[in-house]
Amino acid sequence: HWDYNDALDGQLGTNSWKAMQRFLKA
């Protein structure tokens, strides 16, 4: 849903949270 394109590693790092912030902003 939010253009996350980093590793699916179970570590919510900067890129995971950027994608989440896009969702939360919208």
mmCIF file of all heavy atoms, coordinates in Angstrom:
data_MODEL
# 
_entry.id   MODEL 
# 
loop_
_atom_site.group_PDB 
_atom_site.id 
_atom_site.type_symbol 
_atom_site.label_atom_id 
_atom_site.label_alt_id 
_atom_site.label_comp_id 
_atom_site.label_asym_id 
_atom_site.label_entity_id 
_atom_site.label_seq_id 
_atom_site.pdbx_PDB_ins_code 
_atom_site.Cartn_x 
_atom_site.Cartn_y 
_atom_site.Cartn_z 
_atom_site.occupancy 
_atom_site.B_iso_or_equiv 
_atom_site.pdbx_formal_charge 
_atom_site.auth_seq_id 
_atom_site.auth_comp_id 
_atom_site.auth_asym_id 
_atom_site.auth_atom_id 
_atom_site.pdbx_PDB_model_num 
ATOM 1   N N   . HIS A 1 1  ? 0.765  -1.242 0.000  1.00 0.00 ? 1  HIS A N   1 
ATOM 2   C CA  . HIS A 1 1  ? 0.000  0.000  0.000  1.00 0.00 ? 1  HIS A CA  1 
ATOM 3   C C   . HIS A 1 1  ? 0.804  1.304  0.000  1.00 0.00 ? 1  HIS A C   1 
ATOM 4   O O   . HIS A 1 1  ? 0.274  2.332  -0.422 1.00 0.00 ? 1  HIS A O   1 
ATOM 5   C CB  . HIS A 1 1  ? -0.934 0.027  1.215  1.00 0.00 ? 1  HIS A CB  1 
ATOM 6   C CG  . HIS A 1 1  ? -1.960 -1.053 1.185  1.00 0.00 ? 1  HIS A CG  1 
ATOM 7   N ND1 . HIS A 1 1  ? -3.005 -1.070 0.286  1.00 0.00 ? 1  HIS A ND1 1 
ATOM 8   C CD2 . HIS A 1 1  ? -2.090 -2.172 1.919  1.00 0.00 ? 1  HIS A CD2 1 
ATOM 9   C CE1 . HIS A 1 1  ? -3.740 -2.143 0.481  1.00 0.00 ? 1  HIS A CE1 1 
ATOM 10  N NE2 . HIS A 1 1  ? -3.207 -2.831 1.467  1.00 0.00 ? 1  HIS A NE2 1 
ATOM 11  N N   . TRP A 1 2  ? 2.046  1.318  0.475  1.00 0.00 ? 2  TRP A N   1 
ATOM 12  C CA  . TRP A 1 2  ? 2.721  2.591  0.708  1.00 0.00 ? 2  TRP A CA  1 
ATOM 13  C C   . TRP A 1 2  ? 4.152  2.649  0.192  1.00 0.00 ? 2  TRP A C   1 
ATOM 14  O O   . TRP A 1 2  ? 5.001  3.335  0.737  1.00 0.00 ? 2  TRP A O   1 
ATOM 15  C CB  . TRP A 1 2  ? 2.642  2.974  2.200  1.00 0.00 ? 2  TRP A CB  1 
ATOM 16  C CG  . TRP A 1 2  ? 1.207  3.233  2.511  1.00 0.00 ? 2  TRP A CG  1 
ATOM 17  C CD1 . TRP A 1 2  ? 0.336  2.370  3.106  1.00 0.00 ? 2  TRP A CD1 1 
ATOM 18  C CD2 . TRP A 1 2  ? 0.463  4.373  2.139  1.00 0.00 ? 2  TRP A CD2 1 
ATOM 19  N NE1 . TRP A 1 2  ? -0.923 2.899  3.129  1.00 0.00 ? 2  TRP A NE1 1 
ATOM 20  C CE2 . TRP A 1 2  ? -0.873 4.150  2.544  1.00 0.00 ? 2  TRP A CE2 1 
ATOM 21  C CE3 . TRP A 1 2  ? 0.764  5.575  1.500  1.00 0.00 ? 2  TRP A CE3 1 
ATOM 22  C CZ2 . TRP A 1 2  ? -1.891 5.074  2.323  1.00 0.00 ? 2  TRP A CZ2 1 
ATOM 23  C CZ3 . TRP A 1 2  ? -0.249 6.489  1.288  1.00 0.00 ? 2  TRP A CZ3 1 
ATOM 24  C CH2 . TRP A 1 2  ? -1.552 6.235  1.701  1.00 0.00 ? 2  TRP A CH2 1 
ATOM 25  N N   . ASP A 1 3  ? 4.404  1.975  -0.911 1.00 0.00 ? 3  ASP A N   1 
ATOM 26  C CA  . ASP A 1 3  ? 5.682  2.074  -1.624 1.00 0.00 ? 3  ASP A CA  1 
ATOM 27  C C   . ASP A 1 3  ? 6.907  1.753  -0.782 1.00 0.00 ? 3  ASP A C   1 
ATOM 28  O O   . ASP A 1 3  ? 7.979  2.317  -0.992 1.00 0.00 ? 3  ASP A O   1 
ATOM 29  C CB  . ASP A 1 3  ? 5.866  3.467  -2.254 1.00 0.00 ? 3  ASP A CB  1 
ATOM 30  C CG  . ASP A 1 3  ? 4.842  3.735  -3.342 1.00 0.00 ? 3  ASP A CG  1 
ATOM 31  O OD1 . ASP A 1 3  ? 4.464  2.766  -4.032 1.00 0.00 ? 3  ASP A OD1 1 
ATOM 32  O OD2 . ASP A 1 3  ? 4.424  4.900  -3.485 1.00 0.00 ? 3  ASP A OD2 1 
ATOM 33  N N   . TYR A 1 4  ? 6.755  0.846  0.167  1.00 0.00 ? 4  TYR A N   1 
ATOM 34  C CA  . TYR A 1 4  ? 7.938  0.381  0.904  1.00 0.00 ? 4  TYR A CA  1 
ATOM 35  C C   . TYR A 1 4  ? 8.672  -0.581 -0.011 1.00 0.00 ? 4  TYR A C   1 
ATOM 36  O O   . TYR A 1 4  ? 8.075  -1.519 -0.541 1.00 0.00 ? 4  TYR A O   1 
ATOM 37  C CB  . TYR A 1 4  ? 7.526  -0.313 2.208  1.00 0.00 ? 4  TYR A CB  1 
ATOM 38  C CG  . TYR A 1 4  ? 8.683  -0.932 2.945  1.00 0.00 ? 4  TYR A CG  1 
ATOM 39  C CD1 . TYR A 1 4  ? 9.627  -0.138 3.584  1.00 0.00 ? 4  TYR A CD1 1 
ATOM 40  C CD2 . TYR A 1 4  ? 8.849  -2.309 2.999  1.00 0.00 ? 4  TYR A CD2 1 
ATOM 41  C CE1 . TYR A 1 4  ? 10.701 -0.698 4.258  1.00 0.00 ? 4  TYR A CE1 1 
ATOM 42  C CE2 . TYR A 1 4  ? 9.917  -2.871 3.681  1.00 0.00 ? 4  TYR A CE2 1 
ATOM 43  C CZ  . TYR A 1 4  ? 10.834 -2.071 4.301  1.00 0.00 ? 4  TYR A CZ  1 
ATOM 44  O OH  . TYR A 1 4  ? 11.899 -2.620 4.973  1.00 0.00 ? 4  TYR A OH  1 
ATOM 45  N N   . ASN A 1 5  ? 9.961  -0.355 -0.245 1.00 0.00 ? 5  ASN A N   1 
ATOM 46  C CA  . ASN A 1 5  ? 10.709 -1.229 -1.162 1.00 0.00 ? 5  ASN A CA  1 
ATOM 47  C C   . ASN A 1 5  ? 12.045 -1.670 -0.588 1.00 0.00 ? 5  ASN A C   1 
ATOM 48  O O   . ASN A 1 5  ? 12.958 -1.984 -1.319 1.00 0.00 ? 5  ASN A O   1 
ATOM 49  C CB  . ASN A 1 5  ? 10.901 -0.538 -2.513 1.00 0.00 ? 5  ASN A CB  1 
ATOM 50  C CG  . ASN A 1 5  ? 11.611 0.799  -2.375 1.00 0.00 ? 5  ASN A CG  1 
ATOM 51  O OD1 . ASN A 1 5  ? 12.134 1.127  -1.311 1.00 0.00 ? 5  ASN A OD1 1 
ATOM 52  N ND2 . ASN A 1 5  ? 11.626 1.568  -3.449 1.00 0.00 ? 5  ASN A ND2 1 
ATOM 53  N N   . ASP A 1 6  ? 12.122 -1.706 0.723  1.00 0.00 ? 6  ASP A N   1 
ATOM 54  C CA  . ASP A 1 6  ? 13.343 -2.164 1.385  1.00 0.00 ? 6  ASP A CA  1 
ATOM 55  C C   . ASP A 1 6  ? 13.144 -3.632 1.784  1.00 0.00 ? 6  ASP A C   1 
ATOM 56  O O   . ASP A 1 6  ? 12.141 -4.254 1.446  1.00 0.00 ? 6  ASP A O   1 
ATOM 57  C CB  . ASP A 1 6  ? 13.627 -1.270 2.605  1.00 0.00 ? 6  ASP A CB  1 
ATOM 58  C CG  . ASP A 1 6  ? 15.121 -1.145 2.908  1.00 0.00 ? 6  ASP A CG  1 
ATOM 59  O OD1 . ASP A 1 6  ? 15.902 -1.974 2.412  1.00 0.00 ? 6  ASP A OD1 1 
ATOM 60  O OD2 . ASP A 1 6  ? 15.488 -0.236 3.665  1.00 0.00 ? 6  ASP A OD2 1 
ATOM 61  N N   . ALA A 1 7  ? 14.071 -4.161 2.545  1.00 0.00 ? 7  ALA A N   1 
ATOM 62  C CA  . ALA A 1 7  ? 14.037 -5.570 2.941  1.00 0.00 ? 7  ALA A CA  1 
ATOM 63  C C   . ALA A 1 7  ? 12.836 -5.886 3.829  1.00 0.00 ? 7  ALA A C   1 
ATOM 64  O O   . ALA A 1 7  ? 12.419 -5.075 4.646  1.00 0.00 ? 7  ALA A O   1 
ATOM 65  C CB  . ALA A 1 7  ? 15.323 -5.923 3.689  1.00 0.00 ? 7  ALA A CB  1 
ATOM 66  N N   . LEU A 1 8  ? 12.307 -7.073 3.657  1.00 0.00 ? 8  LEU A N   1 
ATOM 67  C CA  . LEU A 1 8  ? 11.284 -7.604 4.559  1.00 0.00 ? 8  LEU A CA  1 
ATOM 68  C C   . LEU A 1 8  ? 12.026 -8.384 5.637  1.00 0.00 ? 8  LEU A C   1 
ATOM 69  O O   . LEU A 1 8  ? 12.090 -9.605 5.615  1.00 0.00 ? 8  LEU A O   1 
ATOM 70  C CB  . LEU A 1 8  ? 10.309 -8.512 3.798  1.00 0.00 ? 8  LEU A CB  1 
ATOM 71  C CG  . LEU A 1 8  ? 9.458  -7.836 2.722  1.00 0.00 ? 8  LEU A CG  1 
ATOM 72  C CD1 . LEU A 1 8  ? 8.624  -8.844 1.972  1.00 0.00 ? 8  LEU A CD1 1 
ATOM 73  C CD2 . LEU A 1 8  ? 8.591  -6.753 3.331  1.00 0.00 ? 8  LEU A CD2 1 
ATOM 74  N N   . ASP A 1 9  ? 12.596 -7.646 6.577  1.00 0.00 ? 9  ASP A N   1 
ATOM 75  C CA  . ASP A 1 9  ? 13.477 -8.248 7.575  1.00 0.00 ? 9  ASP A CA  1 
ATOM 76  C C   . ASP A 1 9  ? 12.934 -8.187 8.993  1.00 0.00 ? 9  ASP A C   1 
ATOM 77  O O   . ASP A 1 9  ? 13.579 -8.629 9.934  1.00 0.00 ? 9  ASP A O   1 
ATOM 78  C CB  . ASP A 1 9  ? 14.858 -7.585 7.519  1.00 0.00 ? 9  ASP A CB  1 
ATOM 79  C CG  . ASP A 1 9  ? 14.799 -6.080 7.777  1.00 0.00 ? 9  ASP A CG  1 
ATOM 80  O OD1 . ASP A 1 9  ? 13.701 -5.538 8.043  1.00 0.00 ? 9  ASP A OD1 1 
ATOM 81  O OD2 . ASP A 1 9  ? 15.863 -5.435 7.694  1.00 0.00 ? 9  ASP A OD2 1 
ATOM 82  N N   . GLY A 1 10 ? 11.744 -7.639 9.164  1.00 0.00 ? 10 GLY A N   1 
ATOM 83  C CA  . GLY A 1 10 ? 11.172 -7.562 10.508 1.00 0.00 ? 10 GLY A CA  1 
ATOM 84  C C   . GLY A 1 10 ? 11.822 -6.507 11.390 1.00 0.00 ? 10 GLY A C   1 
ATOM 85  O O   . GLY A 1 10 ? 11.648 -6.521 12.602 1.00 0.00 ? 10 GLY A O   1 
ATOM 86  N N   . GLN A 1 11 ? 12.554 -5.597 10.777 1.00 0.00 ? 11 GLN A N   1 
ATOM 87  C CA  . GLN A 1 11 ? 13.184 -4.490 11.504 1.00 0.00 ? 11 GLN A CA  1 
ATOM 88  C C   . GLN A 1 11 ? 12.568 -3.192 10.980 1.00 0.00 ? 11 GLN A C   1 
ATOM 89  O O   . GLN A 1 11 ? 12.865 -2.780 9.869  1.00 0.00 ? 11 GLN A O   1 
ATOM 90  C CB  . GLN A 1 11 ? 14.701 -4.484 11.279 1.00 0.00 ? 11 GLN A CB  1 
ATOM 91  C CG  . GLN A 1 11 ? 15.398 -5.764 11.673 1.00 0.00 ? 11 GLN A CG  1 
ATOM 92  C CD  . GLN A 1 11 ? 15.268 -6.068 13.155 1.00 0.00 ? 11 GLN A CD  1 
ATOM 93  O OE1 . GLN A 1 11 ? 15.474 -5.207 13.999 1.00 0.00 ? 11 GLN A OE1 1 
ATOM 94  N NE2 . GLN A 1 11 ? 14.912 -7.291 13.467 1.00 0.00 ? 11 GLN A NE2 1 
ATOM 95  N N   . LEU A 1 12 ? 11.711 -2.577 11.787 1.00 0.00 ? 12 LEU A N   1 
ATOM 96  C CA  . LEU A 1 12 ? 11.067 -1.341 11.352 1.00 0.00 ? 12 LEU A CA  1 
ATOM 97  C C   . LEU A 1 12 ? 12.053 -0.191 11.505 1.00 0.00 ? 12 LEU A C   1 
ATOM 98  O O   . LEU A 1 12 ? 12.138 0.446  12.546 1.00 0.00 ? 12 LEU A O   1 
ATOM 99  C CB  . LEU A 1 12 ? 9.786  -1.084 12.154 1.00 0.00 ? 12 LEU A CB  1 
ATOM 100 C CG  . LEU A 1 12 ? 8.695  -2.158 12.023 1.00 0.00 ? 12 LEU A CG  1 
ATOM 101 C CD1 . LEU A 1 12 ? 7.481  -1.808 12.862 1.00 0.00 ? 12 LEU A CD1 1 
ATOM 102 C CD2 . LEU A 1 12 ? 8.310  -2.370 10.563 1.00 0.00 ? 12 LEU A CD2 1 
ATOM 103 N N   . GLY A 1 13 ? 12.796 0.017  10.444 1.00 0.00 ? 13 GLY A N   1 
ATOM 104 C CA  . GLY A 1 13 ? 13.806 1.069  10.427 1.00 0.00 ? 13 GLY A CA  1 
ATOM 105 C C   . GLY A 1 13 ? 13.287 2.307  9.719  1.00 0.00 ? 13 GLY A C   1 
ATOM 106 O O   . GLY A 1 13 ? 12.082 2.462  9.490  1.00 0.00 ? 13 GLY A O   1 
ATOM 107 N N   . THR A 1 14 ? 14.200 3.169  9.335  1.00 0.00 ? 14 THR A N   1 
ATOM 108 C CA  . THR A 1 14 ? 13.854 4.457  8.750  1.00 0.00 ? 14 THR A CA  1 
ATOM 109 C C   . THR A 1 14 ? 12.929 4.325  7.537  1.00 0.00 ? 14 THR A C   1 
ATOM 110 O O   . THR A 1 14 ? 11.921 5.032  7.445  1.00 0.00 ? 14 THR A O   1 
ATOM 111 C CB  . THR A 1 14 ? 15.150 5.202  8.352  1.00 0.00 ? 14 THR A CB  1 
ATOM 112 O OG1 . THR A 1 14 ? 15.959 5.344  9.516  1.00 0.00 ? 14 THR A OG1 1 
ATOM 113 C CG2 . THR A 1 14 ? 14.848 6.568  7.776  1.00 0.00 ? 14 THR A CG2 1 
ATOM 114 N N   . ASN A 1 15 ? 13.236 3.424  6.620  1.00 0.00 ? 15 ASN A N   1 
ATOM 115 C CA  . ASN A 1 15 ? 12.410 3.311  5.416  1.00 0.00 ? 15 ASN A CA  1 
ATOM 116 C C   . ASN A 1 15 ? 11.029 2.749  5.712  1.00 0.00 ? 15 ASN A C   1 
ATOM 117 O O   . ASN A 1 15 ? 10.050 3.146  5.083  1.00 0.00 ? 15 ASN A O   1 
ATOM 118 C CB  . ASN A 1 15 ? 13.127 2.487  4.345  1.00 0.00 ? 15 ASN A CB  1 
ATOM 119 C CG  . ASN A 1 15 ? 14.295 3.240  3.753  1.00 0.00 ? 15 ASN A CG  1 
ATOM 120 O OD1 . ASN A 1 15 ? 14.287 4.474  3.710  1.00 0.00 ? 15 ASN A OD1 1 
ATOM 121 N ND2 . ASN A 1 15 ? 15.318 2.535  3.313  1.00 0.00 ? 15 ASN A ND2 1 
ATOM 122 N N   . SER A 1 16 ? 10.925 1.844  6.667  1.00 0.00 ? 16 SER A N   1 
ATOM 123 C CA  . SER A 1 16 ? 9.609  1.337  7.075  1.00 0.00 ? 16 SER A CA  1 
ATOM 124 C C   . SER A 1 16 ? 8.769  2.483  7.629  1.00 0.00 ? 16 SER A C   1 
ATOM 125 O O   . SER A 1 16 ? 7.587  2.643  7.278  1.00 0.00 ? 16 SER A O   1 
ATOM 126 C CB  . SER A 1 16 ? 9.750  0.256  8.153  1.00 0.00 ? 16 SER A CB  1 
ATOM 127 O OG  . SER A 1 16 ? 10.447 -0.868 7.673  1.00 0.00 ? 16 SER A OG  1 
ATOM 128 N N   . TRP A 1 17 ? 9.388  3.287  8.483  1.00 0.00 ? 17 TRP A N   1 
ATOM 129 C CA  . TRP A 1 17 ? 8.646  4.380  9.107  1.00 0.00 ? 17 TRP A CA  1 
ATOM 130 C C   . TRP A 1 17 ? 8.347  5.510  8.129  1.00 0.00 ? 17 TRP A C   1 
ATOM 131 O O   . TRP A 1 17 ? 7.323  6.199  8.258  1.00 0.00 ? 17 TRP A O   1 
ATOM 132 C CB  . TRP A 1 17 ? 9.352  4.867  10.368 1.00 0.00 ? 17 TRP A CB  1 
ATOM 133 C CG  . TRP A 1 17 ? 9.107  3.891  11.481 1.00 0.00 ? 17 TRP A CG  1 
ATOM 134 C CD1 . TRP A 1 17 ? 9.984  2.977  11.987 1.00 0.00 ? 17 TRP A CD1 1 
ATOM 135 C CD2 . TRP A 1 17 ? 7.875  3.694  12.186 1.00 0.00 ? 17 TRP A CD2 1 
ATOM 136 N NE1 . TRP A 1 17 ? 9.369  2.216  12.973 1.00 0.00 ? 17 TRP A NE1 1 
ATOM 137 C CE2 . TRP A 1 17 ? 8.074  2.650  13.106 1.00 0.00 ? 17 TRP A CE2 1 
ATOM 138 C CE3 . TRP A 1 17 ? 6.622  4.292  12.117 1.00 0.00 ? 17 TRP A CE3 1 
ATOM 139 C CZ2 . TRP A 1 17 ? 7.065  2.192  13.958 1.00 0.00 ? 17 TRP A CZ2 1 
ATOM 140 C CZ3 . TRP A 1 17 ? 5.611  3.847  12.967 1.00 0.00 ? 17 TRP A CZ3 1 
ATOM 141 C CH2 . TRP A 1 17 ? 5.844  2.804  13.873 1.00 0.00 ? 17 TRP A CH2 1 
ATOM 142 N N   . LYS A 1 18 ? 9.175  5.704  7.122  1.00 0.00 ? 18 LYS A N   1 
ATOM 143 C CA  . LYS A 1 18 ? 8.839  6.695  6.096  1.00 0.00 ? 18 LYS A CA  1 
ATOM 144 C C   . LYS A 1 18 ? 7.560  6.283  5.371  1.00 0.00 ? 18 LYS A C   1 
ATOM 145 O O   . LYS A 1 18 ? 6.673  7.105  5.114  1.00 0.00 ? 18 LYS A O   1 
ATOM 146 C CB  . LYS A 1 18 ? 9.982  6.850  5.086  1.00 0.00 ? 18 LYS A CB  1 
ATOM 147 C CG  . LYS A 1 18 ? 11.139 7.678  5.576  1.00 0.00 ? 18 LYS A CG  1 
ATOM 148 C CD  . LYS A 1 18 ? 12.210 7.780  4.486  1.00 0.00 ? 18 LYS A CD  1 
ATOM 149 C CE  . LYS A 1 18 ? 13.378 8.621  4.938  1.00 0.00 ? 18 LYS A CE  1 
ATOM 150 N NZ  . LYS A 1 18 ? 14.419 8.696  3.878  1.00 0.00 ? 18 LYS A NZ  1 
ATOM 151 N N   . ALA A 1 19 ? 7.475  4.995  5.030  1.00 0.00 ? 19 ALA A N   1 
ATOM 152 C CA  . ALA A 1 19 ? 6.261  4.499  4.370  1.00 0.00 ? 19 ALA A CA  1 
ATOM 153 C C   . ALA A 1 19 ? 5.057  4.647  5.301  1.00 0.00 ? 19 ALA A C   1 
ATOM 154 O O   . ALA A 1 19 ? 3.978  5.078  4.876  1.00 0.00 ? 19 ALA A O   1 
ATOM 155 C CB  . ALA A 1 19 ? 6.452  3.050  3.948  1.00 0.00 ? 19 ALA A CB  1 
ATOM 156 N N   . MET A 1 20 ? 5.225  4.324  6.575  1.00 0.00 ? 20 MET A N   1 
ATOM 157 C CA  . MET A 1 20 ? 4.122  4.464  7.534  1.00 0.00 ? 20 MET A CA  1 
ATOM 158 C C   . MET A 1 20 ? 3.728  5.936  7.670  1.00 0.00 ? 20 MET A C   1 
ATOM 159 O O   . MET A 1 20 ? 2.546  6.264  7.748  1.00 0.00 ? 20 MET A O   1 
ATOM 160 C CB  . MET A 1 20 ? 4.539  3.883  8.890  1.00 0.00 ? 20 MET A CB  1 
ATOM 161 C CG  . MET A 1 20 ? 3.447  3.962  9.949  1.00 0.00 ? 20 MET A CG  1 
ATOM 162 S SD  . MET A 1 20 ? 1.964  2.996  9.565  1.00 0.00 ? 20 MET A SD  1 
ATOM 163 C CE  . MET A 1 20 ? 2.515  1.363  10.014 1.00 0.00 ? 20 MET A CE  1 
ATOM 164 N N   . GLN A 1 21 ? 4.698  6.827  7.678  1.00 0.00 ? 21 GLN A N   1 
ATOM 165 C CA  . GLN A 1 21 ? 4.395  8.255  7.782  1.00 0.00 ? 21 GLN A CA  1 
ATOM 166 C C   . GLN A 1 21 ? 3.617  8.749  6.560  1.00 0.00 ? 21 GLN A C   1 
ATOM 167 O O   . GLN A 1 21 ? 2.735  9.612  6.692  1.00 0.00 ? 21 GLN A O   1 
ATOM 168 C CB  . GLN A 1 21 ? 5.683  9.072  7.979  1.00 0.00 ? 21 GLN A CB  1 
ATOM 169 C CG  . GLN A 1 21 ? 6.268  8.933  9.364  1.00 0.00 ? 21 GLN A CG  1 
ATOM 170 C CD  . GLN A 1 21 ? 7.651  9.544  9.487  1.00 0.00 ? 21 GLN A CD  1 
ATOM 171 O OE1 . GLN A 1 21 ? 8.408  9.657  8.509  1.00 0.00 ? 21 GLN A OE1 1 
ATOM 172 N NE2 . GLN A 1 21 ? 8.017  9.931  10.708 1.00 0.00 ? 21 GLN A NE2 1 
ATOM 173 N N   . ARG A 1 22 ? 3.911  8.209  5.382  1.00 0.00 ? 22 ARG A N   1 
ATOM 174 C CA  . ARG A 1 22 ? 3.133  8.585  4.185  1.00 0.00 ? 22 ARG A CA  1 
ATOM 175 C C   . ARG A 1 22 ? 1.668  8.212  4.382  1.00 0.00 ? 22 ARG A C   1 
ATOM 176 O O   . ARG A 1 22 ? 0.762  9.008  4.073  1.00 0.00 ? 22 ARG A O   1 
ATOM 177 C CB  . ARG A 1 22 ? 3.709  7.917  2.929  1.00 0.00 ? 22 ARG A CB  1 
ATOM 178 C CG  . ARG A 1 22 ? 5.022  8.522  2.471  1.00 0.00 ? 22 ARG A CG  1 
ATOM 179 C CD  . ARG A 1 22 ? 5.426  8.054  1.077  1.00 0.00 ? 22 ARG A CD  1 
ATOM 180 N NE  . ARG A 1 22 ? 5.786  6.641  1.014  1.00 0.00 ? 22 ARG A NE  1 
ATOM 181 C CZ  . ARG A 1 22 ? 7.016  6.177  1.284  1.00 0.00 ? 22 ARG A CZ  1 
ATOM 182 N NH1 . ARG A 1 22 ? 7.991  7.003  1.618  1.00 0.00 ? 22 ARG A NH1 1 
ATOM 183 N NH2 . ARG A 1 22 ? 7.267  4.886  1.182  1.00 0.00 ? 22 ARG A NH2 1 
ATOM 184 N N   . PHE A 1 23 ? 1.435  7.029  4.912  1.00 0.00 ? 23 PHE A N   1 
ATOM 185 C CA  . PHE A 1 23 ? 0.065  6.574  5.199  1.00 0.00 ? 23 PHE A CA  1 
ATOM 186 C C   . PHE A 1 23 ? -0.590 7.466  6.248  1.00 0.00 ? 23 PHE A C   1 
ATOM 187 O O   . PHE A 1 23 ? -1.720 7.945  6.055  1.00 0.00 ? 23 PHE A O   1 
ATOM 188 C CB  . PHE A 1 23 ? 0.119  5.112  5.681  1.00 0.00 ? 23 PHE A CB  1 
ATOM 189 C CG  . PHE A 1 23 ? -1.128 4.651  6.389  1.00 0.00 ? 23 PHE A CG  1 
ATOM 190 C CD1 . PHE A 1 23 ? -2.332 4.533  5.715  1.00 0.00 ? 23 PHE A CD1 1 
ATOM 191 C CD2 . PHE A 1 23 ? -1.090 4.326  7.735  1.00 0.00 ? 23 PHE A CD2 1 
ATOM 192 C CE1 . PHE A 1 23 ? -3.489 4.100  6.374  1.00 0.00 ? 23 PHE A CE1 1 
ATOM 193 C CE2 . PHE A 1 23 ? -2.225 3.896  8.401  1.00 0.00 ? 23 PHE A CE2 1 
ATOM 194 C CZ  . PHE A 1 23 ? -3.427 3.791  7.715  1.00 0.00 ? 23 PHE A CZ  1 
ATOM 195 N N   . LEU A 1 24 ? 0.124  7.706  7.331  1.00 0.00 ? 24 LEU A N   1 
ATOM 196 C CA  . LEU A 1 24 ? -0.437 8.507  8.425  1.00 0.00 ? 24 LEU A CA  1 
ATOM 197 C C   . LEU A 1 24 ? -0.686 9.950  7.993  1.00 0.00 ? 24 LEU A C   1 
ATOM 198 O O   . LEU A 1 24 ? -1.653 10.582 8.437  1.00 0.00 ? 24 LEU A O   1 
ATOM 199 C CB  . LEU A 1 24 ? 0.490  8.449  9.642  1.00 0.00 ? 24 LEU A CB  1 
ATOM 200 C CG  . LEU A 1 24 ? 0.664  7.058  10.271 1.00 0.00 ? 24 LEU A CG  1 
ATOM 201 C CD1 . LEU A 1 24 ? 1.767  7.083  11.331 1.00 0.00 ? 24 LEU A CD1 1 
ATOM 202 C CD2 . LEU A 1 24 ? -0.648 6.539  10.836 1.00 0.00 ? 24 LEU A CD2 1 
ATOM 203 N N   . LYS A 1 25 ? 0.148  10.481 7.122  1.00 0.00 ? 25 LYS A N   1 
ATOM 204 C CA  . LYS A 1 25 ? -0.031 11.851 6.607  1.00 0.00 ? 25 LYS A CA  1 
ATOM 205 C C   . LYS A 1 25 ? -1.282 11.918 5.731  1.00 0.00 ? 25 LYS A C   1 
ATOM 206 O O   . LYS A 1 25 ? -2.051 12.887 5.780  1.00 0.00 ? 25 LYS A O   1 
ATOM 207 C CB  . LYS A 1 25 ? 1.203  12.286 5.825  1.00 0.00 ? 25 LYS A CB  1 
ATOM 208 C CG  . LYS A 1 25 ? 1.165  13.750 5.413  1.00 0.00 ? 25 LYS A CG  1 
ATOM 209 C CD  . LYS A 1 25 ? 2.485  14.190 4.791  1.00 0.00 ? 25 LYS A CD  1 
ATOM 210 C CE  . LYS A 1 25 ? 2.742  15.634 5.112  1.00 0.00 ? 25 LYS A CE  1 
ATOM 211 N NZ  . LYS A 1 25 ? 3.797  15.899 6.013  1.00 0.00 ? 25 LYS A NZ  1 
ATOM 212 N N   . ALA A 1 26 ? -1.489 10.890 4.924  1.00 0.00 ? 26 ALA A N   1 
ATOM 213 C CA  . ALA A 1 26 ? -2.623 10.876 3.999  1.00 0.00 ? 26 ALA A CA  1 
ATOM 214 C C   . ALA A 1 26 ? -3.968 10.770 4.732  1.00 0.00 ? 26 ALA A C   1 
ATOM 215 O O   . ALA A 1 26 ? -4.960 11.352 4.281  1.00 0.00 ? 26 ALA A O   1 
ATOM 216 C CB  . ALA A 1 26 ? -2.471 9.720  3.007  1.00 0.00 ? 26 ALA A CB  1 
# 
